Amino acid sequence: MNLFYIYPIIFCLGLSYVAITIRQLSSTEPVWLIGLFFSIAILIIGVFSFFIEGWVSPNLRDLFLLSMVGILGGLANLWLSQSYKYSEVSLVSPLKYLALVFAIIFGYFIWNEIPTSKTLLGALLVIFSSIIIFRREMYLKKKLSVSRHE
């Protein structure tokens, strides 16, 4: 054990805070404005990281991939904010972790990274827990809807 094991805990707490905040903000603010401020905050953090790590000029292929990550990440952020607006945080948040599966797939096809057995096991746990949570939320929603009609 070392100090770096606390980073995933901090990340999960921060992610939970962001999800709840987006849910509350989306009832009064447009989704595009939430996404714009999120992008500005990430830009500021990214500029500070250049001072710490230094600038490395990407080649044309890497610049294209980074641009696609930025564009598709921005769209994903807008769609995620929209989903928090129309659905419960407890239903949407576990589905965010399915990004791990896509990271494994893209890592294999783009960078020829072969996932370890621990990574694959972790991805399976994420998938199964997401399915369990999704089914539980759908069951509770159906149960609540039936009790309202009685």
Protein backbone atom coordinates (compact mmCIF):
# COMPACT_ATOMS: atom_id res chain seq x y z
CA MET A 1 0.00 0.00 0.00
CA ASN A 2 1.15 3.49 -0.77
CA LEU A 3 -0.34 6.94 -1.05
CA PHE A 4 -1.33 6.50 -4.71
CA TYR A 5 -4.10 4.04 -3.79
CA ILE A 6 -6.18 6.99 -2.60
CA TYR A 7 -6.44 8.46 -6.13
CA PRO A 8 -9.23 6.10 -7.32
CA ILE A 9 -11.20 6.90 -4.18
CA ILE A 10 -10.82 10.63 -4.80
CA PHE A 11 -11.81 10.09 -8.45
CA CYS A 12 -14.98 8.18 -7.49
CA LEU A 13 -15.99 10.80 -4.95
CA GLY A 14 -15.38 13.56 -7.49
CA LEU A 15 -17.31 11.70 -10.18
CA SER A 16 -20.26 11.24 -7.81
CA TYR A 17 -20.21 14.93 -6.95
CA VAL A 18 -20.12 15.90 -10.64
CA ALA A 19 -23.01 13.55 -11.49
CA ILE A 20 -25.24 14.93 -8.75
CA THR A 21 -24.28 18.51 -9.59
CA ILE A 22 -25.03 18.01 -13.30
CA ARG A 23 -28.39 16.49 -12.38
CA GLN A 24 -29.26 19.55 -10.28
CA LEU A 25 -27.87 22.09 -12.76
CA SER A 26 -29.63 20.53 -15.75
CA SER A 27 -33.01 21.42 -14.28
CA THR A 28 -32.20 25.15 -14.49
CA GLU A 29 -29.38 25.48 -17.06
CA PRO A 30 -29.13 24.31 -20.68
CA VAL A 31 -26.97 21.25 -21.25
CA TRP A 32 -24.72 23.02 -23.78
CA LEU A 33 -23.81 25.65 -21.16
CA ILE A 34 -22.84 22.98 -18.63
CA GLY A 35 -20.70 21.32 -21.31
CA LEU A 36 -19.09 24.62 -22.26
CA PHE A 37 -18.04 25.41 -18.70
CA PHE A 38 -16.76 21.85 -18.25
CA SER A 39 -14.67 22.20 -21.42
CA ILE A 40 -13.28 25.56 -20.26
CA ALA A 41 -12.31 24.04 -16.90
CA ILE A 42 -10.58 21.11 -18.63
CA LEU A 43 -8.76 23.54 -20.94
CA ILE A 44 -7.44 25.52 -17.96
CA ILE A 45 -6.28 22.35 -16.21
CA GLY A 46 -4.67 21.17 -19.45
CA VAL A 47 -2.75 24.43 -19.86
CA PHE A 48 -1.34 24.07 -16.34
CA SER A 49 -0.24 20.52 -17.12
CA PHE A 50 1.86 21.87 -20.00
CA PHE A 51 3.86 23.91 -17.50
CA ILE A 52 4.47 20.85 -15.36
CA GLU A 53 5.11 18.21 -18.02
CA GLY A 54 6.35 20.35 -20.91
CA TRP A 55 5.07 20.54 -24.46
CA VAL A 56 5.70 17.72 -26.94
CA SER A 57 4.60 18.45 -30.49
CA PRO A 58 2.42 15.62 -31.78
CA ASN A 59 2.89 14.18 -35.24
CA LEU A 60 0.03 14.39 -37.75
CA ARG A 61 -1.49 11.02 -36.81
CA ASP A 62 -1.40 11.80 -33.08
CA LEU A 63 -2.84 15.26 -33.70
CA PHE A 64 -5.74 13.66 -35.59
CA LEU A 65 -6.33 11.13 -32.79
CA LEU A 66 -6.17 13.85 -30.12
CA SER A 67 -8.61 15.99 -32.09
CA MET A 68 -11.02 13.08 -32.39
CA VAL A 69 -10.72 12.40 -28.67
CA GLY A 70 -11.57 16.04 -27.98
CA ILE A 71 -14.52 16.18 -30.38
CA LEU A 72 -16.00 12.82 -29.42
CA GLY A 73 -15.31 13.45 -25.73
CA GLY A 74 -17.16 16.77 -25.94
CA LEU A 75 -20.13 15.10 -27.61
CA ALA A 76 -20.10 12.33 -25.02
CA ASN A 77 -20.06 14.95 -22.27
CA LEU A 78 -23.11 16.68 -23.78
CA TRP A 79 -24.99 13.40 -24.12
CA LEU A 80 -24.05 12.34 -20.60
CA SER A 81 -25.29 15.65 -19.21
CA GLN A 82 -28.51 15.17 -21.16
CA SER A 83 -28.93 11.67 -19.75
CA TYR A 84 -28.48 13.00 -16.20
CA LYS A 85 -31.22 15.50 -16.95
CA TYR A 86 -33.77 12.87 -17.98
CA SER A 87 -32.77 9.89 -15.85
CA GLU A 88 -31.65 9.07 -12.34
CA VAL A 89 -27.97 9.37 -11.45
CA SER A 90 -28.01 5.87 -9.96
CA LEU A 91 -29.02 4.47 -13.35
CA VAL A 92 -26.66 6.48 -15.58
CA SER A 93 -23.48 6.47 -13.49
CA PRO A 94 -22.72 2.72 -13.65
CA LEU A 95 -23.02 2.84 -17.43
CA LYS A 96 -20.15 5.37 -17.50
CA TYR A 97 -17.83 2.62 -16.36
CA LEU A 98 -18.49 0.76 -19.59
CA ALA A 99 -15.94 3.21 -21.03
CA LEU A 100 -13.37 0.76 -19.65
CA VAL A 101 -14.53 -1.82 -22.18
CA PHE A 102 -14.21 0.67 -25.02
CA ALA A 103 -10.76 1.69 -23.76
CA ILE A 104 -9.66 -1.93 -23.97
CA ILE A 105 -11.06 -2.30 -27.50
CA PHE A 106 -9.57 0.97 -28.77
CA GLY A 107 -6.27 0.26 -27.03
CA TYR A 108 -6.04 -3.03 -28.84
CA PHE A 109 -6.97 -1.76 -32.30
CA ILE A 110 -5.25 1.64 -32.24
CA TRP A 111 -2.16 1.09 -30.07
CA ASN A 112 -1.84 -2.71 -30.24
CA GLU A 113 -2.11 -3.00 -26.46
CA ILE A 114 -2.96 -6.48 -25.28
CA PRO A 115 -5.00 -6.39 -22.04
CA THR A 116 -3.84 -8.50 -19.12
CA SER A 117 -6.05 -11.11 -17.51
CA LYS A 118 -6.57 -8.78 -14.53
CA THR A 119 -7.80 -6.04 -16.86
CA LEU A 120 -10.23 -8.40 -18.58
CA LEU A 121 -11.47 -9.70 -15.23
CA GLY A 122 -12.01 -6.14 -14.02
CA ALA A 123 -13.89 -5.29 -17.22
CA LEU A 124 -16.14 -8.32 -16.74
CA LEU A 125 -16.88 -7.24 -13.18
CA VAL A 126 -17.77 -3.75 -14.41
CA ILE A 127 -20.06 -5.14 -17.10
CA PHE A 128 -21.84 -7.55 -14.76
CA SER A 129 -22.27 -4.96 -12.01
CA SER A 130 -23.66 -2.46 -14.55
CA ILE A 131 -26.16 -5.04 -15.78
CA ILE A 132 -27.21 -5.88 -12.21
CA ILE A 133 -27.67 -2.21 -11.30
CA PHE A 134 -29.54 -1.49 -14.53
CA ARG A 135 -31.93 -4.42 -14.00
CA ARG A 136 -32.47 -3.45 -10.35
CA GLU A 137 -33.27 0.16 -11.28
CA MET A 138 -35.68 -0.96 -14.02
CA TYR A 139 -37.37 -3.37 -11.58
CA LEU A 140 -37.72 -0.67 -8.92
CA LYS A 141 -39.05 1.81 -11.48
CA LYS A 142 -41.60 -0.73 -12.74
CA LYS A 143 -42.59 -1.58 -9.17
CA LEU A 144 -43.01 2.10 -8.34
CA SER A 145 -45.06 2.72 -11.47
CA VAL A 146 -47.38 -0.23 -10.69
CA SER A 147 -47.92 0.94 -7.11
CA ARG A 148 -48.86 4.44 -8.34
CA HIS A 149 -51.57 3.04 -10.63
CA GLU A 150 -53.21 0.99 -7.89
